[in-house]
Amino acid sequence: MRDVLTVFRFTLRDALRKKAFILTTVIVLVLIVAGCTVLRVVDMNKSAPDTGTAEPAPAEKSDTCYLIDDASLIPGALEALTAAQPTVDFVAGQSNKLNDYKAEVETDKSKSILVIAAGKTGQPELTFYSTDFMSGLPAETLTRVVQNVYVAGLLSQAGVSADVQQAALTDLSYSSQIVGKMDVSGYAIGILLTIIVFFAVYYYGYGVAMSVASEKTSRVMETLVVSAKPSRILLGKCLAMGVLGLVQLLAFLVVGAVCFATIVPAGFTIMGMPLALSSFTFGSALLVLVYFLLGYALYAVMNSVCGATVSRAEDLNSAMMPVVLVSLISFYAAYATMFLPSEGIKRLVTYIPFTSPFVMPFRLLNEQVPAMDILISLALLLVSIVLVAAVSVRIYTASVLHYGQRLKLKDAMKLKT
């Protein structure tokens, strides 16, 4: 235990001094504060009261739309469109000038054309012309306005009273209520946590491999091996980088919580739903932490072997490629599963040890995950860590003092420990 603590302190102290760690921490903290500040500014702009008493200025006409209805199929469409879109200058046009209008629209994105003509069924059909698919007026909005005028005319011809017409054409109000666990906050936080876990596992696992490779290159490893067994060196380094990751993530969470409580306005909404942390309960937070620690442990022991098999730090990236591919495939598999309705696939990805640390944070915040699934997932993850660690310790012990050409894993397994 004393050897493990010695390696732990040495690795942790060395990692804390690195400029990359300091810069990353500072940049992320600044981004957290800036993000919360942006939310507050947005809320202030939305809720700023209008204290003026003067009559509002007429809306400035920013767009022009030529309305062509030679047969007067929908009387009153021009007036209704003008009332619905006050910033648009609707101009009555003629079909014989359609080509001239098209020439204007082709070179001017602020102009568009709306043609009302009789369709094959006898009912009016609308055709829109704009410069490209990114320009022009909202076709659906204009269609709804013109359709209401058309329907109102038909109802008037049928002798329907104005009150009934207004009631028939009035959009019904509605509200949405979430009965399940998923809401916009849990959805966003779940995806964010999945991404954070992936980058944390990759970043700190890479730190373990780089620490082993750099110490092996500088011959410091020879001194460490004399004072401690390779297996204890491996454990000490993994623990040190894990603690480093927890300290950094804790700093992010504390600053984020403080900024959320003090900067983000109460009742701030996204897509009409309040930004809240109701899905982030103590139990879900604890399980997310457990999956992060176990996921880190699984990938850290594999990355440490990658660092031990190289004699130069320049060869580390190529040595880590198999582990990187496994982590990337696992991450994207878990990410894709979040949007699949199949419970069977979700359960399979939950059970696979390499993917469960990435998919479970999202599921824990947005679903009612059965307790049995969680227990099976954790058990399989623990068993995998033990098995991978046993193989990794063997390879690490055999290759940590190997110099020269990069040692292949199959050759490392044949060496005597």
Protein backbone atom coordinates (compact mmCIF):
# COMPACT_ATOMS: atom_id res chain seq x y z
CA MET A 1 0.00 0.00 0.00
CA ARG A 2 2.88 2.31 0.76
CA ASP A 3 4.29 1.77 -2.73
CA VAL A 4 0.94 2.56 -4.29
CA LEU A 5 0.68 5.82 -2.34
CA THR A 6 4.22 6.80 -3.35
CA VAL A 7 3.45 6.34 -7.05
CA PHE A 8 0.06 8.00 -6.53
CA ARG A 9 1.56 11.15 -5.02
CA PHE A 10 4.33 11.33 -7.64
CA THR A 11 1.92 10.98 -10.58
CA LEU A 12 -0.72 13.34 -9.16
CA ARG A 13 1.81 16.06 -8.35
CA ASP A 14 3.33 15.81 -11.83
CA ALA A 15 -0.09 15.97 -13.55
CA LEU A 16 -1.26 18.98 -11.52
CA ARG A 17 1.76 20.98 -12.65
CA LYS A 18 1.21 20.46 -16.37
CA LYS A 19 0.13 23.50 -18.36
CA ALA A 20 -2.39 21.47 -20.38
CA PHE A 21 -4.31 20.57 -17.23
CA ILE A 22 -4.26 24.15 -15.92
CA LEU A 23 -5.30 25.70 -19.24
CA THR A 24 -8.07 23.15 -19.80
CA THR A 25 -9.49 23.77 -16.35
CA VAL A 26 -9.42 27.55 -16.72
CA ILE A 27 -10.94 27.51 -20.22
CA VAL A 28 -13.82 25.22 -19.24
CA LEU A 29 -14.58 27.27 -16.11
CA VAL A 30 -14.65 30.46 -18.18
CA LEU A 31 -16.99 28.79 -20.71
CA ILE A 32 -19.35 27.71 -17.90
CA VAL A 33 -19.56 31.25 -16.52
CA ALA A 34 -19.95 32.69 -20.03
CA GLY A 35 -22.72 30.24 -20.92
CA CYS A 36 -24.74 31.09 -17.82
CA THR A 37 -24.20 34.80 -18.48
CA VAL A 38 -25.53 34.41 -22.02
CA LEU A 39 -28.69 32.75 -20.67
CA ARG A 40 -29.22 35.72 -18.35
CA VAL A 41 -28.73 38.24 -21.14
CA VAL A 42 -31.18 36.36 -23.35
CA ASP A 43 -33.75 36.33 -20.56
CA MET A 44 -33.30 40.05 -19.95
CA ASN A 45 -33.91 40.78 -23.61
CA LYS A 46 -37.05 38.61 -23.59
CA SER A 47 -38.54 40.07 -20.42
CA ALA A 48 -37.51 43.74 -20.77
CA PRO A 49 -40.69 45.78 -20.14
CA ASP A 50 -41.85 48.37 -22.64
CA THR A 51 -41.98 51.62 -20.66
CA GLY A 52 -42.75 53.85 -23.62
CA THR A 53 -46.13 55.57 -23.91
CA ALA A 54 -45.91 56.73 -27.52
CA GLU A 55 -47.74 54.98 -30.31
CA PRO A 56 -45.62 52.22 -31.82
CA ALA A 57 -43.99 53.15 -35.09
CA PRO A 58 -45.37 51.46 -38.18
CA ALA A 59 -43.48 48.35 -39.16
CA GLU A 60 -40.82 48.99 -41.77
CA LYS A 61 -41.36 47.08 -44.99
CA SER A 62 -38.32 44.82 -45.43
CA ASP A 63 -39.64 42.38 -48.06
CA THR A 64 -41.81 42.54 -51.16
CA CYS A 65 -44.20 39.86 -52.33
CA TYR A 66 -46.08 40.01 -55.62
CA LEU A 67 -49.56 38.50 -55.20
CA ILE A 68 -51.09 37.29 -58.46
CA ASP A 69 -54.79 36.36 -58.42
CA ASP A 70 -56.14 37.39 -61.82
CA ALA A 71 -59.33 35.35 -61.44
CA SER A 72 -60.06 36.74 -57.94
CA LEU A 73 -60.36 33.21 -56.63
CA ILE A 74 -59.77 34.39 -53.06
CA PRO A 75 -61.07 37.93 -52.55
CA GLY A 76 -59.54 39.72 -49.56
CA ALA A 77 -56.32 37.67 -49.63
CA LEU A 78 -54.18 40.79 -50.19
CA GLU A 79 -55.64 42.60 -47.17
CA ALA A 80 -55.41 39.52 -44.94
CA LEU A 81 -51.77 38.91 -45.87
CA THR A 82 -50.87 42.54 -45.26
CA ALA A 83 -52.45 42.41 -41.80
CA ALA A 84 -50.74 39.12 -40.93
CA GLN A 85 -47.29 40.16 -42.22
CA PRO A 86 -46.91 43.91 -41.53
CA THR A 87 -43.22 43.93 -42.48
CA VAL A 88 -43.96 42.63 -45.99
CA ASP A 89 -45.13 44.85 -48.83
CA PHE A 90 -47.73 42.78 -50.68
CA VAL A 91 -48.21 44.14 -54.19
CA ALA A 92 -51.04 43.10 -56.50
CA GLY A 93 -49.46 41.66 -59.61
CA GLN A 94 -50.51 40.39 -63.01
CA SER A 95 -49.84 36.97 -64.50
CA ASN A 96 -48.63 38.43 -67.81
CA LYS A 97 -45.74 40.02 -65.91
CA LEU A 98 -44.75 36.81 -64.11
CA ASN A 99 -41.48 36.48 -66.04
CA ASP A 100 -40.52 40.05 -65.13
CA TYR A 101 -41.24 39.32 -61.47
CA LYS A 102 -39.14 36.15 -61.66
CA ALA A 103 -36.21 38.15 -63.04
CA GLU A 104 -36.40 40.46 -60.02
CA VAL A 105 -36.69 37.59 -57.53
CA GLU A 106 -33.73 35.79 -59.10
CA THR A 107 -31.35 38.60 -58.09
CA ASP A 108 -33.08 39.95 -54.98
CA LYS A 109 -33.68 37.68 -51.98
CA SER A 110 -36.04 40.20 -50.38
CA LYS A 111 -38.60 39.64 -53.12
CA SER A 112 -40.92 36.70 -53.72
CA ILE A 113 -44.03 35.77 -55.67
CA LEU A 114 -47.30 34.15 -54.60
CA VAL A 115 -49.57 32.94 -57.39
CA ILE A 116 -53.17 31.87 -56.78
CA ALA A 117 -54.60 29.83 -59.66
CA ALA A 118 -57.32 27.26 -60.19
CA GLY A 119 -56.14 23.70 -59.64
CA LYS A 120 -57.18 20.49 -61.35
CA THR A 121 -59.91 19.91 -58.74
CA GLY A 122 -61.30 23.39 -59.18
CA GLN A 123 -60.02 24.60 -55.85
CA PRO A 124 -57.37 27.33 -55.69
CA GLU A 125 -53.72 26.27 -55.66
CA LEU A 126 -50.86 28.39 -54.34
CA THR A 127 -47.40 28.55 -55.92
CA PHE A 128 -44.45 30.32 -54.28
CA TYR A 129 -41.37 31.65 -56.03
CA SER A 130 -38.22 32.67 -54.16
CA THR A 131 -34.52 33.16 -54.92
CA ASP A 132 -33.44 29.91 -53.26
CA PHE A 133 -34.55 27.47 -50.57
CA MET A 134 -33.00 29.67 -47.85
CA SER A 135 -34.84 32.85 -48.86
CA GLY A 136 -38.43 33.91 -49.27
CA LEU A 137 -41.35 34.21 -46.90
CA PRO A 138 -42.66 31.37 -44.71
CA ALA A 139 -44.85 29.48 -47.17
CA GLU A 140 -46.79 27.61 -44.48
CA THR A 141 -47.74 30.84 -42.71
CA LEU A 142 -48.95 32.51 -45.89
CA THR A 143 -50.87 29.39 -46.90
CA ARG A 144 -52.69 29.33 -43.58
CA VAL A 145 -53.68 33.00 -43.91
CA VAL A 146 -54.94 32.58 -47.47
CA GLN A 147 -56.74 29.34 -46.56
CA ASN A 148 -58.58 31.06 -43.69
CA VAL A 149 -59.76 33.78 -46.07
CA TYR A 150 -60.89 31.17 -48.60
CA VAL A 151 -62.74 29.09 -45.99
CA ALA A 152 -64.37 32.22 -44.53
CA GLY A 153 -65.66 33.12 -48.01
CA LEU A 154 -67.13 29.64 -48.49
CA LEU A 155 -68.81 29.77 -45.09
CA SER A 156 -70.28 33.19 -45.87
CA GLN A 157 -71.70 31.90 -49.14
CA ALA A 158 -73.24 29.02 -47.19
CA GLY A 159 -74.95 31.48 -44.84
CA VAL A 160 -72.84 30.74 -41.78
CA SER A 161 -72.83 33.59 -39.27
CA ALA A 162 -69.67 35.61 -38.59
CA ASP A 163 -69.43 34.29 -35.00
CA VAL A 164 -69.43 30.69 -36.17
CA GLN A 165 -66.87 31.52 -38.86
CA GLN A 166 -64.55 33.08 -36.30
CA ALA A 167 -64.89 30.10 -33.97
CA ALA A 168 -64.26 27.64 -36.81
CA LEU A 169 -61.12 29.45 -37.95
CA THR A 170 -59.65 30.09 -34.52
CA ASP A 171 -56.64 27.92 -33.63
CA LEU A 172 -57.18 25.87 -30.49
CA SER A 173 -54.79 26.60 -27.62
CA TYR A 174 -52.86 23.71 -26.16
CA SER A 175 -50.26 22.90 -23.53
CA SER A 176 -47.83 20.01 -23.15
CA GLN A 177 -47.18 18.16 -19.92
CA ILE A 178 -44.49 15.53 -19.44
CA VAL A 179 -45.76 12.45 -17.62
CA GLY A 180 -42.58 10.42 -18.05
CA LYS A 181 -39.15 11.20 -16.66
CA MET A 182 -37.66 12.81 -19.78
CA ASP A 183 -37.85 16.59 -20.13
CA VAL A 184 -35.78 19.07 -22.10
CA SER A 185 -33.38 19.64 -19.19
CA GLY A 186 -32.80 15.94 -18.55
CA TYR A 187 -32.42 15.33 -22.28
CA ALA A 188 -29.79 18.07 -22.69
CA ILE A 189 -27.94 17.21 -19.47
CA GLY A 190 -27.99 13.50 -20.35
CA ILE A 191 -26.34 14.08 -23.72
CA LEU A 192 -23.87 16.52 -22.16
CA LEU A 193 -22.93 14.00 -19.46
CA THR A 194 -22.41 11.28 -22.08
CA ILE A 195 -20.02 13.51 -23.99
CA ILE A 196 -18.24 14.57 -20.78
CA VAL A 197 -17.79 10.96 -19.66
CA PHE A 198 -16.35 10.01 -23.04
CA PHE A 199 -13.86 12.88 -23.13
CA ALA A 200 -12.96 12.36 -19.47
CA VAL A 201 -12.33 8.64 -20.00
CA TYR A 202 -10.29 9.37 -23.11
CA TYR A 203 -8.39 12.36 -21.70
CA TYR A 204 -7.44 10.84 -18.34
CA GLY A 205 -6.79 7.43 -19.87
CA TYR A 206 -4.45 9.11 -22.31
CA GLY A 207 -2.82 10.82 -19.32
CA VAL A 208 -2.07 7.43 -17.75
CA ALA A 209 -0.53 6.15 -20.99
CA MET A 210 1.50 9.33 -21.49
CA SER A 211 2.76 9.24 -17.91
CA VAL A 212 3.96 5.66 -18.30
CA ALA A 213 5.52 6.35 -21.70
CA SER A 214 7.32 9.53 -20.63
CA GLU A 215 8.72 7.96 -17.46
CA LYS A 216 9.81 4.92 -19.40
CA THR A 217 11.54 7.13 -21.97
CA SER A 218 13.32 9.17 -19.29
CA ARG A 219 14.37 5.99 -17.42
CA VAL A 220 12.42 7.10 -14.34
CA MET A 221 10.53 3.83 -14.63
CA GLU A 222 13.68 1.91 -13.75
CA THR A 223 13.83 3.75 -10.43
CA LEU A 224 10.13 3.15 -9.78
CA VAL A 225 10.41 -0.57 -10.55
CA VAL A 226 13.24 -0.91 -8.04
CA SER A 227 11.12 0.61 -5.27
CA ALA A 228 7.72 -0.86 -6.21
CA LYS A 229 6.23 -3.75 -8.12
CA PRO A 230 4.97 -2.96 -11.63
CA SER A 231 1.43 -3.93 -10.64
CA ARG A 232 1.49 -1.36 -7.83
CA ILE A 233 2.90 1.26 -10.15
CA LEU A 234 0.01 0.59 -12.51
CA LEU A 235 -2.53 0.89 -9.69
CA GLY A 236 -0.96 4.07 -8.31
CA LYS A 237 -0.96 5.79 -11.70
CA CYS A 238 -4.55 4.83 -12.48
CA LEU A 239 -5.69 6.06 -9.07
CA ALA A 240 -3.79 9.34 -9.43
CA MET A 241 -5.30 10.17 -12.82
CA GLY A 242 -8.72 9.14 -11.57
CA VAL A 243 -8.47 11.49 -8.59
CA LEU A 244 -7.21 14.21 -10.91
CA GLY A 245 -10.27 13.75 -13.10
CA LEU A 246 -12.62 13.81 -10.11
CA VAL A 247 -11.04 17.00 -8.78
CA GLN A 248 -11.37 18.70 -12.15
CA LEU A 249 -14.95 17.53 -12.72
CA LEU A 250 -15.88 18.53 -9.17
CA ALA A 251 -14.56 22.02 -9.87
CA PHE A 252 -16.68 22.19 -13.01
CA LEU A 253 -19.78 20.97 -11.19
CA VAL A 254 -19.36 23.35 -8.25
CA VAL A 255 -18.82 26.38 -10.49
CA GLY A 256 -21.69 25.27 -12.73
CA ALA A 257 -24.04 24.85 -9.75
CA VAL A 258 -23.07 28.25 -8.30
CA CYS A 259 -23.52 29.97 -11.67
CA PHE A 260 -26.84 28.21 -12.22
CA ALA A 261 -28.11 29.38 -8.83
CA THR A 262 -26.79 32.96 -9.02
CA ILE A 263 -26.66 33.91 -12.71
CA VAL A 264 -29.30 31.90 -14.59
CA PRO A 265 -32.72 33.53 -14.01
CA ALA A 266 -35.32 31.55 -12.12
CA GLY A 267 -37.89 30.01 -14.43
CA PHE A 268 -35.71 30.28 -17.53
CA THR A 269 -37.33 28.28 -20.31
CA ILE A 270 -36.03 26.46 -23.37
CA MET A 271 -38.61 25.62 -26.04
CA GLY A 272 -41.30 26.64 -23.57
CA MET A 273 -40.10 24.28 -20.86
CA PRO A 274 -38.29 25.39 -17.69
CA LEU A 275 -34.58 24.76 -17.36
CA ALA A 276 -34.44 22.67 -14.18
CA LEU A 277 -32.43 19.91 -12.58
CA SER A 278 -35.39 17.87 -11.38
CA SER A 279 -34.16 14.72 -13.14
CA PHE A 280 -30.74 15.02 -11.51
CA THR A 281 -31.57 13.38 -8.18
CA PHE A 282 -29.09 12.21 -5.55
CA GLY A 283 -29.53 8.59 -6.61
CA SER A 284 -29.01 9.28 -10.31
CA ALA A 285 -26.02 11.51 -9.56
CA LEU A 286 -24.44 8.77 -7.45
CA LEU A 287 -24.94 6.15 -10.16
CA VAL A 288 -23.53 8.47 -12.82
CA LEU A 289 -20.44 8.93 -10.65
CA VAL A 290 -20.11 5.15 -10.20
CA TYR A 291 -20.34 4.53 -13.94
CA PHE A 292 -17.79 7.25 -14.60
CA LEU A 293 -15.32 5.73 -12.13
CA LEU A 294 -15.80 2.20 -13.43
CA GLY A 295 -15.64 3.30 -17.05
CA TYR A 296 -12.46 5.21 -16.36
CA ALA A 297 -10.96 2.21 -14.56
CA LEU A 298 -11.73 -0.10 -17.49
CA TYR A 299 -10.14 2.11 -20.11
CA ALA A 300 -7.29 3.34 -17.89
CA VAL A 301 -5.82 -0.12 -17.35
CA MET A 302 -5.89 -0.72 -21.10
CA ASN A 303 -4.26 2.65 -21.84
CA SER A 304 -1.51 2.01 -19.30
CA VAL A 305 -0.50 -1.10 -21.22
CA CYS A 306 -0.28 0.99 -24.40
CA GLY A 307 2.15 3.33 -22.66
CA ALA A 308 4.26 0.42 -21.42
CA THR A 309 4.64 -1.18 -24.85
CA VAL A 310 6.39 1.83 -26.44
CA SER A 311 9.96 3.02 -25.96
CA ARG A 312 9.34 6.52 -27.31
CA ALA A 313 6.52 8.93 -26.52
CA GLU A 314 6.15 9.58 -30.27
CA ASP A 315 4.88 6.02 -30.76
CA LEU A 316 2.14 6.34 -28.16
CA ASN A 317 -0.66 7.45 -30.50
CA SER A 318 -0.24 4.44 -32.77
CA ALA A 319 -0.03 2.11 -29.77
CA MET A 320 -3.26 3.56 -28.37
CA MET A 321 -5.18 3.20 -31.62
CA PRO A 322 -6.92 -0.11 -30.70
CA VAL A 323 -8.16 1.32 -27.39
CA VAL A 324 -9.22 4.56 -29.08
CA LEU A 325 -11.21 2.61 -31.68
CA VAL A 326 -12.94 0.58 -28.99
CA SER A 327 -13.86 3.73 -27.04
CA LEU A 328 -15.10 5.55 -30.17
CA ILE A 329 -17.22 2.62 -31.35
CA SER A 330 -18.63 2.20 -27.85
CA PHE A 331 -19.42 5.91 -27.55
CA TYR A 332 -21.20 6.16 -30.91
CA ALA A 333 -23.06 2.92 -30.28
CA ALA A 334 -24.30 4.29 -26.96
CA TYR A 335 -25.10 7.69 -28.48
CA ALA A 336 -27.13 6.15 -31.31
CA THR A 337 -29.02 3.96 -28.84
CA MET A 338 -30.38 7.07 -27.08
CA PHE A 339 -32.61 7.78 -30.06
CA LEU A 340 -33.77 4.21 -30.72
CA PRO A 341 -37.16 3.01 -29.46
CA SER A 342 -36.00 -0.61 -29.21
CA GLU A 343 -35.75 -1.64 -25.56
CA GLY A 344 -33.85 -4.78 -26.54
CA ILE A 345 -31.01 -2.83 -28.12
CA LYS A 346 -30.90 -0.42 -25.19
CA ARG A 347 -30.65 -3.30 -22.76
CA LEU A 348 -27.89 -4.94 -24.81
CA VAL A 349 -25.84 -1.73 -24.89
CA THR A 350 -26.48 -1.32 -21.16
CA TYR A 351 -25.03 -4.76 -20.46
CA ILE A 352 -21.92 -4.44 -22.65
CA PRO A 353 -19.13 -3.22 -20.30
CA PHE A 354 -17.45 -1.01 -22.91
CA THR A 355 -20.65 0.88 -23.77
CA SER A 356 -22.52 0.99 -20.44
CA PRO A 357 -20.47 3.91 -18.98
CA PHE A 358 -21.52 6.04 -21.97
CA VAL A 359 -25.20 5.15 -22.27
CA MET A 360 -26.20 4.89 -18.61
CA PRO A 361 -25.86 8.61 -17.66
CA PHE A 362 -28.46 9.48 -20.29
CA ARG A 363 -30.77 6.60 -19.37
CA LEU A 364 -30.58 7.31 -15.64
CA LEU A 365 -31.66 10.92 -16.17
CA ASN A 366 -34.38 10.28 -18.75
CA GLU A 367 -35.79 6.80 -18.17
CA GLN A 368 -37.03 4.53 -15.45
CA VAL A 369 -34.22 2.00 -15.74
CA PRO A 370 -35.10 -1.31 -14.02
CA ALA A 371 -33.00 -1.99 -10.93
CA MET A 372 -32.12 -5.44 -12.28
CA ASP A 373 -30.65 -3.90 -15.44
CA ILE A 374 -28.49 -1.59 -13.33
CA LEU A 375 -27.28 -4.44 -11.14
CA ILE A 376 -26.46 -6.69 -14.10
CA SER A 377 -24.71 -3.82 -15.87
CA LEU A 378 -22.57 -2.96 -12.84
CA ALA A 379 -21.74 -6.62 -12.19
CA LEU A 380 -20.61 -7.20 -15.77
CA LEU A 381 -18.60 -3.99 -15.69
CA LEU A 382 -16.83 -4.99 -12.48
CA VAL A 383 -16.05 -8.48 -13.77
CA SER A 384 -14.67 -6.98 -16.99
CA ILE A 385 -12.46 -4.58 -15.03
CA VAL A 386 -11.03 -7.46 -12.98
CA LEU A 387 -10.36 -9.61 -16.06
CA VAL A 388 -8.90 -6.76 -18.14
CA ALA A 389 -6.82 -5.59 -15.18
CA ALA A 390 -5.39 -9.08 -14.68
CA VAL A 391 -4.33 -9.29 -18.32
CA SER A 392 -3.10 -5.69 -18.29
CA VAL A 393 -0.96 -6.23 -15.19
CA ARG A 394 0.68 -9.23 -16.83
CA ILE A 395 1.43 -7.34 -20.04
CA TYR A 396 2.49 -4.22 -18.15
CA THR A 397 4.87 -6.16 -15.91
CA ALA A 398 6.46 -7.91 -18.88
CA SER A 399 6.85 -4.83 -21.07
CA VAL A 400 7.47 -1.92 -18.71
CA LEU A 401 11.27 -2.33 -18.93
CA HIS A 402 11.32 -3.36 -22.57
CA TYR A 403 13.22 -0.92 -24.81
CA GLY A 404 13.80 -0.80 -28.51
CA GLN A 405 11.12 -1.62 -31.07
CA ARG A 406 7.53 -1.29 -29.87
CA LEU A 407 6.48 -4.51 -28.19
CA LYS A 408 3.45 -6.25 -29.65
CA LEU A 409 0.80 -7.47 -27.24
CA LYS A 410 1.05 -11.11 -28.34
CA ASP A 411 4.81 -10.99 -27.71
CA ALA A 412 4.30 -9.31 -24.33
CA MET A 413 2.00 -12.12 -23.25
CA LYS A 414 4.77 -14.62 -23.96
CA LEU A 415 7.35 -12.83 -21.82
CA LYS A 416 7.93 -14.04 -18.30
CA THR A 417 6.78 -11.67 -15.59
